[in-house]
PDB file of N, CA and C in Angstrom:
ATOM      1  N   UNK A   1      43.507 107.320 113.068  1.00  0.00           N
ATOM      2  CA  UNK A   1      44.591 106.891 112.203  1.00  0.00           C
ATOM      3  C   UNK A   1      44.035 105.434 112.089  1.00  0.00           C
ATOM      4  N   UNK A   2      44.415 104.856 110.927  1.00  0.00           N
ATOM      5  CA  UNK A   2      43.981 103.368 110.558  1.00  0.00           C
ATOM      6  C   UNK A   2      44.853 102.442 111.449  1.00  0.00           C
ATOM      7  N   UNK A   3      44.452 101.190 111.508  1.00  0.00           N
ATOM      8  CA  UNK A   3      45.438 100.193 112.118  1.00  0.00           C
ATOM      9  C   UNK A   3      46.798  99.958 111.270  1.00  0.00           C
ATOM     10  N   UNK A   4      46.416 100.096 110.030  1.00  0.00           N
ATOM     11  CA  UNK A   4      47.560  99.868 108.876  1.00  0.00           C
ATOM     12  C   UNK A   4      48.757 100.965 109.221  1.00  0.00           C
ATOM     13  N   UNK A   5      48.127 102.025 109.468  1.00  0.00           N
ATOM     14  CA  UNK A   5      49.179 103.241 109.700  1.00  0.00           C
ATOM     15  C   UNK A   5      49.881 102.935 111.034  1.00  0.00           C
ATOM     16  N   UNK A   6      49.034 102.555 111.963  1.00  0.00           N
ATOM     17  CA  UNK A   6      49.721 102.270 113.286  1.00  0.00           C
ATOM     18  C   UNK A   6      50.626 101.260 113.253  1.00  0.00           C
ATOM     19  N   UNK A   7      50.429 100.193 112.541  1.00  0.00           N
ATOM     20  CA  UNK A   7      51.350  98.989 112.179  1.00  0.00           C
ATOM     21  C   UNK A   7      52.706  99.610 111.612  1.00  0.00           C
ATOM     22  N   UNK A   8      52.514 100.485 110.580  1.00  0.00           N
ATOM     23  CA  UNK A   8      53.613 100.854 109.930  1.00  0.00           C
ATOM     24  C   UNK A   8      54.479 102.047 110.817  1.00  0.00           C
ATOM     25  N   UNK A   9      53.708 102.795 111.772  1.00  0.00           N
ATOM     26  CA  UNK A   9      54.350 103.410 112.599  1.00  0.00           C
ATOM     27  C   UNK A   9      55.447 102.652 113.589  1.00  0.00           C
ATOM     28  N   UNK A  10      54.651 101.568 114.209  1.00  0.00           N
ATOM     29  CA  UNK A  10      55.386 100.570 114.941  1.00  0.00           C
ATOM     30  C   UNK A  10      56.761 100.087 114.274  1.00  0.00           C
ATOM     31  N   UNK A  11      56.424  99.573 112.877  1.00  0.00           N
ATOM     32  CA  UNK A  11      57.498  99.182 112.356  1.00  0.00           C
ATOM     33  C   UNK A  11      58.669 100.140 112.178  1.00  0.00           C
ATOM     34  N   UNK A  12      58.283 101.409 111.768  1.00  0.00           N
ATOM     35  CA  UNK A  12      59.307 102.488 111.695  1.00  0.00           C
ATOM     36  C   UNK A  12      60.011 102.874 112.919  1.00  0.00           C
ATOM     37  N   UNK A  13      59.167 102.831 113.932  1.00  0.00           N
ATOM     38  CA  UNK A  13      60.175 103.165 115.310  1.00  0.00           C
ATOM     39  C   UNK A  13      60.917 101.963 115.821  1.00  0.00           C
ATOM     40  N   UNK A  14      60.376 100.688 115.446  1.00  0.00           N
ATOM     41  CA  UNK A  14      61.321  99.516 115.724  1.00  0.00           C
ATOM     42  C   UNK A  14      62.700  99.578 114.806  1.00  0.00           C
ATOM     43  N   UNK A  15      62.466  99.897 113.479  1.00  0.00           N
ATOM     44  CA  UNK A  15      63.656 100.037 112.850  1.00  0.00           C
ATOM     45  C   UNK A  15      64.621 101.286 113.008  1.00  0.00           C
ATOM     46  N   UNK A  16      64.039 102.317 113.377  1.00  0.00           N
ATOM     47  CA  UNK A  16      64.884 103.603 113.744  1.00  0.00           C
ATOM     48  C   UNK A  16      65.517 103.269 114.908  1.00  0.00           C
ATOM     49  N   UNK A  17      64.895 102.841 116.013  1.00  0.00           N
ATOM     50  CA  UNK A  17      65.694 102.422 117.320  1.00  0.00           C
ATOM     51  C   UNK A  17      66.745 101.531 117.064  1.00  0.00           C
ATOM     52  N   UNK A  18      66.560 100.345 116.166  1.00  0.00           N
ATOM     53  CA  UNK A  18      67.352  99.482 115.882  1.00  0.00           C
ATOM     54  C   UNK A  18      68.792 100.012 115.403  1.00  0.00           C
ATOM     55  N   UNK A  19      68.463 101.109 114.413  1.00  0.00           N
ATOM     56  CA  UNK A  19      69.831 101.674 113.698  1.00  0.00           C
ATOM     57  C   UNK A  19      70.671 102.468 114.695  1.00  0.00           C
ATOM     58  N   UNK A  20      69.944 103.404 115.541  1.00  0.00           N
ATOM     59  CA  UNK A  20      70.459 103.761 116.675  1.00  0.00           C
ATOM     60  C   UNK A  20      71.227 102.926 117.732  1.00  0.00           C
ATOM     61  N   UNK A  21      70.615 101.884 118.076  1.00  0.00           N
ATOM     62  CA  UNK A  21      71.348 101.099 118.941  1.00  0.00           C
ATOM     63  C   UNK A  21      72.645 100.450 118.477  1.00  0.00           C
ATOM     64  N   UNK A  22      72.627 100.091 116.942  1.00  0.00           N
ATOM     65  CA  UNK A  22      73.625  99.538 116.253  1.00  0.00           C
ATOM     66  C   UNK A  22      74.718 100.572 116.303  1.00  0.00           C
ATOM     67  N   UNK A  23      74.418 101.751 116.029  1.00  0.00           N
ATOM     68  CA  UNK A  23      75.327 102.836 115.859  1.00  0.00           C
ATOM     69  C   UNK A  23      76.055 103.346 117.239  1.00  0.00           C
ATOM     70  N   UNK A  24      75.197 103.269 118.036  1.00  0.00           N
ATOM     71  CA  UNK A  24      75.845 103.464 119.517  1.00  0.00           C
ATOM     72  C   UNK A  24      76.762 102.300 119.879  1.00  0.00           C
ATOM     73  N   UNK A  25      76.426 101.213 119.703  1.00  0.00           N
ATOM     74  CA  UNK A  25      77.155 100.046 119.896  1.00  0.00           C
ATOM     75  C   UNK A  25      78.600 100.278 119.296  1.00  0.00           C
ATOM     76  N   UNK A  26      78.424 100.479 117.941  1.00  0.00           N
ATOM     77  CA  UNK A  26      79.652 100.748 116.923  1.00  0.00           C
ATOM     78  C   UNK A  26      80.565 101.696 117.608  1.00  0.00           C
ATOM     79  N   UNK A  27      79.877 102.842 117.933  1.00  0.00           N
ATOM     80  CA  UNK A  27      80.587 104.090 118.425  1.00  0.00           C
ATOM     81  C   UNK A  27      81.527 103.672 119.771  1.00  0.00           C
ATOM     82  N   UNK A  28      80.607 103.024 120.661  1.00  0.00           N
ATOM     83  CA  UNK A  28      81.342 102.600 122.078  1.00  0.00           C
ATOM     84  C   UNK A  28      82.488 101.565 121.879  1.00  0.00           C
ATOM     85  N   UNK A  29      82.188 100.727 120.992  1.00  0.00           N
ATOM     86  CA  UNK A  29      83.213  99.575 120.915  1.00  0.00           C
ATOM     87  C   UNK A  29      84.348 100.064 120.046  1.00  0.00           C
ATOM     88  N   UNK A  30      84.255 101.028 119.369  1.00  0.00           N
ATOM     89  CA  UNK A  30      85.428 101.730 118.562  1.00  0.00           C
ATOM     90  C   UNK A  30      86.141 102.666 119.372  1.00  0.00           C
ATOM     91  N   UNK A  31      85.283 103.295 120.142  1.00  0.00           N
ATOM     92  CA  UNK A  31      85.879 104.220 121.169  1.00  0.00           C
ATOM     93  C   UNK A  31      86.862 103.491 122.159  1.00  0.00           C
ATOM     94  N   UNK A  32      86.434 102.471 122.679  1.00  0.00           N
ATOM     95  CA  UNK A  32      87.014 101.704 123.725  1.00  0.00           C
ATOM     96  C   UNK A  32      88.097 100.925 123.079  1.00  0.00           C
ATOM     97  N   UNK A  33      87.934 100.349 121.906  1.00  0.00           N
ATOM     98  CA  UNK A  33      89.137  99.717 121.327  1.00  0.00           C
ATOM     99  C   UNK A  33      90.313 100.705 120.886  1.00  0.00           C
ATOM    100  N   UNK A  34      89.980 101.840 120.496  1.00  0.00           N
ATOM    101  CA  UNK A  34      91.095 102.711 120.214  1.00  0.00           C
ATOM    102  C   UNK A  34      91.803 103.550 121.280  1.00  0.00           C
ATOM    103  N   UNK A  35      90.996 103.712 122.412  1.00  0.00           N
ATOM    104  CA  UNK A  35      91.639 104.365 123.611  1.00  0.00           C
ATOM    105  C   UNK A  35      90.821 103.755 124.938  1.00  0.00           C
ATOM    106  N   UNK A  36      91.343 102.605 125.209  1.00  0.00           N
ATOM    107  CA  UNK A  36      90.525 102.138 126.348  1.00  0.00           C
ATOM    108  C   UNK A  36      91.155 102.781 127.674  1.00  0.00           C
ATOM    109  N   UNK A  37      89.952 102.948 128.653  1.00  0.00           N
ATOM    110  CA  UNK A  37      90.217 103.707 129.783  1.00  0.00           C
ATOM    111  C   UNK A  37      91.070 102.883 130.657  1.00  0.00           C
ATOM    112  N   UNK A  38      92.211 103.465 131.341  1.00  0.00           N
ATOM    113  CA  UNK A  38      93.131 102.685 132.165  1.00  0.00           C
ATOM    114  C   UNK A  38      92.556 102.532 133.600  1.00  0.00           C
ATOM    115  N   UNK A  39      91.666 103.247 133.861  1.00  0.00           N
ATOM    116  CA  UNK A  39      90.983 102.782 135.136  1.00  0.00           C
ATOM    117  C   UNK A  39      89.664 103.251 135.315  1.00  0.00           C
ATOM    118  N   UNK A  40      88.908 102.895 136.344  1.00  0.00           N
ATOM    119  CA  UNK A  40      87.495 103.241 136.619  1.00  0.00           C
ATOM    120  C   UNK A  40      87.350 104.678 136.465  1.00  0.00           C
ATOM    121  N   UNK A  41      88.111 105.568 136.993  1.00  0.00           N
ATOM    122  CA  UNK A  41      88.025 106.837 136.994  1.00  0.00           C
ATOM    123  C   UNK A  41      87.954 107.220 135.554  1.00  0.00           C
ATOM    124  N   UNK A  42      88.894 106.900 134.835  1.00  0.00           N
ATOM    125  CA  UNK A  42      89.059 107.417 133.546  1.00  0.00           C
ATOM    126  C   UNK A  42      87.780 106.852 132.932  1.00  0.00           C
ATOM    127  N   UNK A  43      87.161 105.567 132.908  1.00  0.00           N
ATOM    128  CA  UNK A  43      85.915 105.267 132.279  1.00  0.00           C
ATOM    129  C   UNK A  43      84.707 105.996 132.853  1.00  0.00           C
ATOM    130  N   UNK A  44      84.852 106.376 134.095  1.00  0.00           N
ATOM    131  CA  UNK A  44      83.795 107.243 134.640  1.00  0.00           C
ATOM    132  C   UNK A  44      83.651 108.892 134.034  1.00  0.00           C
ATOM    133  N   UNK A  45      84.890 109.305 133.803  1.00  0.00           N
ATOM    134  CA  UNK A  45      85.094 110.672 133.226  1.00  0.00           C
ATOM    135  C   UNK A  45      84.645 110.541 131.806  1.00  0.00           C
ATOM    136  N   UNK A  46      85.147 109.475 131.091  1.00  0.00           N
ATOM    137  CA  UNK A  46      84.525 109.593 129.573  1.00  0.00           C
ATOM    138  C   UNK A  46      82.993 109.509 129.634  1.00  0.00           C
ATOM    139  N   UNK A  47      82.456 108.425 130.436  1.00  0.00           N
ATOM    140  CA  UNK A  47      81.095 108.334 130.447  1.00  0.00           C
ATOM    141  C   UNK A  47      80.245 109.622 130.785  1.00  0.00           C
ATOM    142  N   UNK A  48      80.984 110.356 131.810  1.00  0.00           N
ATOM    143  CA  UNK A  48      80.229 111.610 132.267  1.00  0.00           C
ATOM    144  C   UNK A  48      80.285 112.776 131.399  1.00  0.00           C
ATOM    145  N   UNK A  49      81.118 112.806 130.214  1.00  0.00           N
ATOM    146  CA  UNK A  49      81.160 113.638 129.340  1.00  0.00           C
ATOM    147  C   UNK A  49      79.870 114.158 128.744  1.00  0.00           C
ATOM    148  N   UNK A  50      79.737 115.281 128.415  1.00  0.00           N
ATOM    149  CA  UNK A  50      78.269 115.649 127.839  1.00  0.00           C
ATOM    150  C   UNK A  50      77.750 114.947 126.581  1.00  0.00           C
ATOM    151  N   UNK A  51      78.592 114.934 125.617  1.00  0.00           N
ATOM    152  CA  UNK A  51      78.095 114.080 124.456  1.00  0.00           C
ATOM    153  C   UNK A  51      77.925 112.594 124.662  1.00  0.00           C
ATOM    154  N   UNK A  52      79.021 112.053 125.283  1.00  0.00           N
ATOM    155  CA  UNK A  52      78.872 110.537 125.598  1.00  0.00           C
ATOM    156  C   UNK A  52      77.734 110.320 126.678  1.00  0.00           C
ATOM    157  N   UNK A  53      77.334 111.344 127.616  1.00  0.00           N
ATOM    158  CA  UNK A  53      76.224 110.994 128.558  1.00  0.00           C
ATOM    159  C   UNK A  53      74.825 111.237 127.508  1.00  0.00           C
ATOM    160  N   UNK A  54      74.821 112.113 126.633  1.00  0.00           N
ATOM    161  CA  UNK A  54      73.663 112.337 125.935  1.00  0.00           C
ATOM    162  C   UNK A  54      73.432 111.294 124.974  1.00  0.00           C
ATOM    163  N   UNK A  55      74.518 110.732 124.493  1.00  0.00           N
ATOM    164  CA  UNK A  55      74.398 109.473 123.557  1.00  0.00           C
ATOM    165  C   UNK A  55      73.804 108.406 124.104  1.00  0.00           C
ATOM    166  N   UNK A  56      74.341 108.100 125.384  1.00  0.00           N
ATOM    167  CA  UNK A  56      73.938 107.011 126.354  1.00  0.00           C
ATOM    168  C   UNK A  56      72.687 107.049 126.640  1.00  0.00           C
ATOM    169  N   UNK A  57      72.097 108.308 127.217  1.00  0.00           N
ATOM    170  CA  UNK A  57      70.639 108.418 127.609  1.00  0.00           C
ATOM    171  C   UNK A  57      69.850 108.154 126.350  1.00  0.00           C
ATOM    172  N   UNK A  58      69.981 108.546 124.968  1.00  0.00           N
ATOM    173  CA  UNK A  58      69.399 108.390 123.972  1.00  0.00           C
ATOM    174  C   UNK A  58      69.488 106.905 123.750  1.00  0.00           C
ATOM    175  N   UNK A  59      70.613 106.231 123.911  1.00  0.00           N
ATOM    176  CA  UNK A  59      70.765 104.644 123.677  1.00  0.00           C
ATOM    177  C   UNK A  59      69.644 103.915 124.482  1.00  0.00           C
ATOM    178  N   UNK A  60      69.595 104.292 125.837  1.00  0.00           N
ATOM    179  CA  UNK A  60      68.823 103.633 126.758  1.00  0.00           C
ATOM    180  C   UNK A  60      67.248 104.104 126.375  1.00  0.00           C
ATOM    181  N   UNK A  61      67.064 105.278 125.923  1.00  0.00           N
ATOM    182  CA  UNK A  61      65.653 105.659 125.404  1.00  0.00           C
ATOM    183  C   UNK A  61      65.200 104.781 124.371  1.00  0.00           C
ATOM    184  N   UNK A  62      65.999 104.600 123.204  1.00  0.00           N
ATOM    185  CA  UNK A  62      65.930 103.677 122.148  1.00  0.00           C
ATOM    186  C   UNK A  62      65.754 102.253 122.450  1.00  0.00           C
ATOM    187  N   UNK A  63      66.601 101.772 123.258  1.00  0.00           N
ATOM    188  CA  UNK A  63      66.426 100.406 123.827  1.00  0.00           C
ATOM    189  C   UNK A  63      65.207 100.198 124.490  1.00  0.00           C
ATOM    190  N   UNK A  64      64.569 101.291 125.425  1.00  0.00           N
ATOM    191  CA  UNK A  64      63.290 100.995 126.107  1.00  0.00           C
ATOM    192  C   UNK A  64      62.167 100.990 124.999  1.00  0.00           C
ATOM    193  N   UNK A  65      62.313 102.099 124.123  1.00  0.00           N
ATOM    194  CA  UNK A  65      61.287 102.235 123.023  1.00  0.00           C
ATOM    195  C   UNK A  65      61.180 100.978 122.079  1.00  0.00           C
ATOM    196  N   UNK A  66      62.310 100.283 121.738  1.00  0.00           N
ATOM    197  CA  UNK A  66      62.524  99.195 120.999  1.00  0.00           C
ATOM    198  C   UNK A  66      61.792  97.960 121.873  1.00  0.00           C
ATOM    199  N   UNK A  67      62.275  97.898 123.005  1.00  0.00           N
ATOM    200  CA  UNK A  67      61.528  96.624 123.893  1.00  0.00           C
ATOM    201  C   UNK A  67      60.126  96.941 123.974  1.00  0.00           C
ATOM    202  N   UNK A  68      59.315  98.066 124.165  1.00  0.00           N
ATOM    203  CA  UNK A  68      58.243  98.339 124.176  1.00  0.00           C
ATOM    204  C   UNK A  68      57.406  97.942 122.978  1.00  0.00           C
ATOM    205  N   UNK A  69      57.874  98.362 121.848  1.00  0.00           N
ATOM    206  CA  UNK A  69      57.365  98.116 120.657  1.00  0.00           C
ATOM    207  C   UNK A  69      57.220  96.641 120.339  1.00  0.00           C
ATOM    208  N   UNK A  70      58.359  96.182 120.631  1.00  0.00           N
ATOM    209  CA  UNK A  70      58.534  94.469 120.287  1.00  0.00           C
ATOM    210  C   UNK A  70      57.524  93.856 121.239  1.00  0.00           C
ATOM    211  N   UNK A  71      57.563  94.044 122.556  1.00  0.00           N
ATOM    212  CA  UNK A  71      56.695  93.344 123.324  1.00  0.00           C
ATOM    213  C   UNK A  71      55.425  93.716 123.295  1.00  0.00           C
ATOM    214  N   UNK A  72      55.136  94.818 123.022  1.00  0.00           N
ATOM    215  CA  UNK A  72      53.443  95.368 122.840  1.00  0.00           C
ATOM    216  C   UNK A  72      52.870  94.590 121.549  1.00  0.00           C
ATOM    217  N   UNK A  73      53.760  94.435 120.495  1.00  0.00           N
ATOM    218  CA  UNK A  73      53.378  93.874 119.300  1.00  0.00           C
ATOM    219  C   UNK A  73      53.158  91.946 119.549  1.00  0.00           C
ATOM    220  N   UNK A  74      54.103  91.543 120.321  1.00  0.00           N
ATOM    221  CA  UNK A  74      54.009  90.250 120.734  1.00  0.00           C
ATOM    222  C   UNK A  74      52.829  89.917 121.638  1.00  0.00           C
ATOM    223  N   UNK A  75      52.409  90.843 122.654  1.00  0.00           N
ATOM    224  CA  UNK A  75      51.496  90.615 123.524  1.00  0.00           C
ATOM    225  C   UNK A  75      50.249  90.736 122.823  1.00  0.00           C
ATOM    226  N   UNK A  76      49.892  91.828 121.811  1.00  0.00           N
ATOM    227  CA  UNK A  76      48.717  91.916 121.144  1.00  0.00           C
ATOM    228  C   UNK A  76      48.558  90.821 120.148  1.00  0.00           C
ATOM    229  N   UNK A  77      49.497  90.338 119.730  1.00  0.00           N
ATOM    230  CA  UNK A  77      49.439  89.144 118.677  1.00  0.00           C
ATOM    231  C   UNK A  77      49.000  87.828 119.419  1.00  0.00           C
ATOM    232  N   UNK A  78      49.733  87.483 120.610  1.00  0.00           N
ATOM    233  CA  UNK A  78      49.493  86.313 121.075  1.00  0.00           C
ATOM    234  C   UNK A  78      48.692  85.905 122.360  1.00  0.00           C
ATOM    235  N   UNK A  79      48.253  87.298 123.004  1.00  0.00           N
ATOM    236  CA  UNK A  79      47.425  87.155 124.045  1.00  0.00           C
ATOM    237  C   UNK A  79      46.202  87.424 123.743  1.00  0.00           C
ATOM    238  N   UNK A  80      45.205  86.373 123.605  1.00  0.00           N
ATOM    239  CA  UNK A  80      43.888  86.389 123.090  1.00  0.00           C
ATOM    240  C   UNK A  80      42.922  86.984 123.896  1.00  0.00           C
ATOM    241  N   UNK A  81      43.048  86.866 125.184  1.00  0.00           N
ATOM    242  CA  UNK A  81      42.051  87.299 126.190  1.00  0.00           C
ATOM    243  C   UNK A  81      42.316  88.770 126.506  1.00  0.00           C
ATOM    244  N   UNK A  82      41.388  89.630 126.450  1.00  0.00           N
ATOM    245  CA  UNK A  82      41.387  90.990 126.604  1.00  0.00           C
ATOM    246  C   UNK A  82      42.222  91.410 128.096  1.00  0.00           C
ATOM    247  N   UNK A  83      41.537  90.864 128.972  1.00  0.00           N
ATOM    248  CA  UNK A  83      41.997  91.177 130.293  1.00  0.00           C
ATOM    249  C   UNK A  83      43.598  90.913 130.461  1.00  0.00           C
ATOM    250  N   UNK A  84      43.823  89.451 129.954  1.00  0.00           N
ATOM    251  CA  UNK A  84      45.321  89.231 130.287  1.00  0.00           C
ATOM    252  C   UNK A  84      46.188  90.034 129.433  1.00  0.00           C
ATOM    253  N   UNK A  85      45.863  90.571 128.057  1.00  0.00           N
ATOM    254  CA  UNK A  85      46.484  91.447 127.368  1.00  0.00           C
ATOM    255  C   UNK A  85      46.854  92.634 128.103  1.00  0.00           C
ATOM    256  N   UNK A  86      45.642  93.269 128.614  1.00  0.00           N
ATOM    257  CA  UNK A  86      45.844  94.510 129.231  1.00  0.00           C
ATOM    258  C   UNK A  86      46.830  94.502 130.482  1.00  0.00           C
ATOM    259  N   UNK A  87      46.690  93.220 131.242  1.00  0.00           N
ATOM    260  CA  UNK A  87      47.566  92.928 132.352  1.00  0.00           C
ATOM    261  C   UNK A  87      48.972  93.045 131.932  1.00  0.00           C
ATOM    262  N   UNK A  88      49.224  92.314 130.840  1.00  0.00           N
ATOM    263  CA  UNK A  88      50.602  91.868 130.379  1.00  0.00           C
ATOM    264  C   UNK A  88      51.213  93.161 129.835  1.00  0.00           C
ATOM    265  N   UNK A  89      50.246  93.875 129.118  1.00  0.00           N
ATOM    266  CA  UNK A  89      50.878  95.455 128.717  1.00  0.00           C
ATOM    267  C   UNK A  89      51.189  96.258 129.802  1.00  0.00           C
ATOM    268  N   UNK A  90      50.266  96.327 131.007  1.00  0.00           N
ATOM    269  CA  UNK A  90      50.667  97.131 132.077  1.00  0.00           C
ATOM    270  C   UNK A  90      51.856  96.826 132.751  1.00  0.00           C
ATOM    271  N   UNK A  91      52.141  95.326 133.016  1.00  0.00           N
ATOM    272  CA  UNK A  91      53.205  94.915 133.636  1.00  0.00           C
ATOM    273  C   UNK A  91      54.445  95.330 132.889  1.00  0.00           C
ATOM    274  N   UNK A  92      54.321  95.147 131.530  1.00  0.00           N
ATOM    275  CA  UNK A  92      55.542  95.349 130.676  1.00  0.00           C
ATOM    276  C   UNK A  92      56.023  96.914 130.704  1.00  0.00           C
ATOM    277  N   UNK A  93      54.788  97.700 130.534  1.00  0.00           N
ATOM    278  CA  UNK A  93      54.959  99.121 130.616  1.00  0.00           C
ATOM    279  C   UNK A  93      55.652  99.643 131.915  1.00  0.00           C
ATOM    280  N   UNK A  94      55.017  99.035 133.044  1.00  0.00           N
ATOM    281  CA  UNK A  94      55.660  99.392 134.501  1.00  0.00           C
ATOM    282  C   UNK A  94      57.031  99.018 134.488  1.00  0.00           C
ATOM    283  N   UNK A  95      57.375  97.852 134.041  1.00  0.00           N
ATOM    284  CA  UNK A  95      58.785  97.161 134.150  1.00  0.00           C
ATOM    285  C   UNK A  95      59.648  98.071 133.355  1.00  0.00           C
ATOM    286  N   UNK A  96      59.324  98.526 132.254  1.00  0.00           N
ATOM    287  CA  UNK A  96      60.350  99.429 131.349  1.00  0.00           C
ATOM    288  C   UNK A  96      60.276 100.754 131.908  1.00  0.00           C
ATOM    289  N   UNK A  97      59.289 101.190 132.340  1.00  0.00           N
ATOM    290  CA  UNK A  97      59.314 102.753 132.984  1.00  0.00           C
ATOM    291  C   UNK A  97      60.216 102.546 134.322  1.00  0.00           C
ATOM    292  N   UNK A  98      60.172 101.422 135.226  1.00  0.00           N
ATOM    293  CA  UNK A  98      61.067 101.297 136.263  1.00  0.00           C
ATOM    294  C   UNK A  98      62.491 101.356 135.649  1.00  0.00           C
ATOM    295  N   UNK A  99      62.627 100.473 134.769  1.00  0.00           N
ATOM    296  CA  UNK A  99      64.181 100.390 134.063  1.00  0.00           C
ATOM    297  C   UNK A  99      64.503 101.730 133.668  1.00  0.00           C
ATOM    298  N   UNK A 100      63.692 102.470 132.919  1.00  0.00           N
ATOM    299  CA  UNK A 100      63.974 103.755 132.628  1.00  0.00           C
ATOM    300  C   UNK A 100      64.397 104.778 133.692  1.00  0.00           C
ATOM    301  N   UNK A 101      63.668 104.539 134.731  1.00  0.00           N
ATOM    302  CA  UNK A 101      63.942 105.450 135.808  1.00  0.00           C
ATOM    303  C   UNK A 101      65.329 105.060 136.384  1.00  0.00           C
ATOM    304  N   UNK A 102      65.461 103.862 136.564  1.00  0.00           N
ATOM    305  CA  UNK A 102      66.824 103.358 137.064  1.00  0.00           C
ATOM    306  C   UNK A 102      68.105 103.802 136.296  1.00  0.00           C
ATOM    307  N   UNK A 103      67.747 103.945 134.943  1.00  0.00           N
ATOM    308  CA  UNK A 103      68.855 104.313 134.060  1.00  0.00           C
ATOM    309  C   UNK A 103      69.108 105.805 134.251  1.00  0.00           C
ATOM    310  N   UNK A 104      68.156 106.492 134.424  1.00  0.00           N
ATOM    311  CA  UNK A 104      68.141 107.965 134.603  1.00  0.00           C
ATOM    312  C   UNK A 104      68.881 108.232 135.895  1.00  0.00           C
ATOM    313  N   UNK A 105      68.533 107.441 136.888  1.00  0.00           N
ATOM    314  CA  UNK A 105      69.130 107.718 138.199  1.00  0.00           C
ATOM    315  C   UNK A 105      70.745 107.458 138.261  1.00  0.00           C
ATOM    316  N   UNK A 106      70.935 106.371 137.475  1.00  0.00           N
ATOM    317  CA  UNK A 106      72.350 105.892 137.222  1.00  0.00           C
ATOM    318  C   UNK A 106      73.230 106.948 136.456  1.00  0.00           C
ATOM    319  N   UNK A 107      72.452 107.364 135.291  1.00  0.00           N
ATOM    320  CA  UNK A 107      73.239 108.637 134.379  1.00  0.00           C
ATOM    321  C   UNK A 107      73.598 109.694 135.395  1.00  0.00           C
ATOM    322  N   UNK A 108      72.419 110.174 136.143  1.00  0.00           N
ATOM    323  CA  UNK A 108      72.445 111.143 137.035  1.00  0.00           C
ATOM    324  C   UNK A 108      73.601 111.209 138.144  1.00  0.00           C
ATOM    325  N   UNK A 109      73.798 110.034 138.643  1.00  0.00           N
ATOM    326  CA  UNK A 109      74.760 109.720 139.512  1.00  0.00           C
ATOM    327  C   UNK A 109      76.058 109.892 138.941  1.00  0.00           C
ATOM    328  N   UNK A 110      76.399 109.587 137.606  1.00  0.00           N
ATOM    329  CA  UNK A 110      77.714 109.828 137.016  1.00  0.00           C
ATOM    330  C   UNK A 110      78.232 111.391 136.967  1.00  0.00           C
ATOM    331  N   UNK A 111      77.041 112.183 136.787  1.00  0.00           N
ATOM    332  CA  UNK A 111      77.286 113.744 136.771  1.00  0.00           C
ATOM    333  C   UNK A 111      77.410 114.269 138.028  1.00  0.00           C
ATOM    334  N   UNK A 112      76.827 113.878 139.062  1.00  0.00           N
ATOM    335  CA  UNK A 112      76.646 114.435 140.300  1.00  0.00           C
ATOM    336  C   UNK A 112      77.986 114.312 141.303  1.00  0.00           C
ATOM    337  N   UNK A 113      78.746 113.456 140.933  1.00  0.00           N
ATOM    338  CA  UNK A 113      79.791 113.189 141.817  1.00  0.00           C
ATOM    339  C   UNK A 113      81.083 113.804 141.299  1.00  0.00           C
TER     340      UNK A 113
END
């Protein structure tokens, strides 16, 4: 695959994830404005519903993808030394992977209790 096609793919992922992030944010803000939970238990019950849970998991997946593509592009563009670039990409990837695991653990804990 050519570099140009890779750039187009990154651009497309960035835009698609941004659209999902916006749609999810509008959904959550609208749902909470129309019917705000009266207690933590009500909020937790709403969040642990299967559709909201799936949408939330997809939200964080899109957020992590969006962050990876953006950070990768910035690092590739501005870190001139190859060893620095690789180290920054590794740290960024590990940090985002750790954040993803933390989100999965948190979402799992909503459903397990």
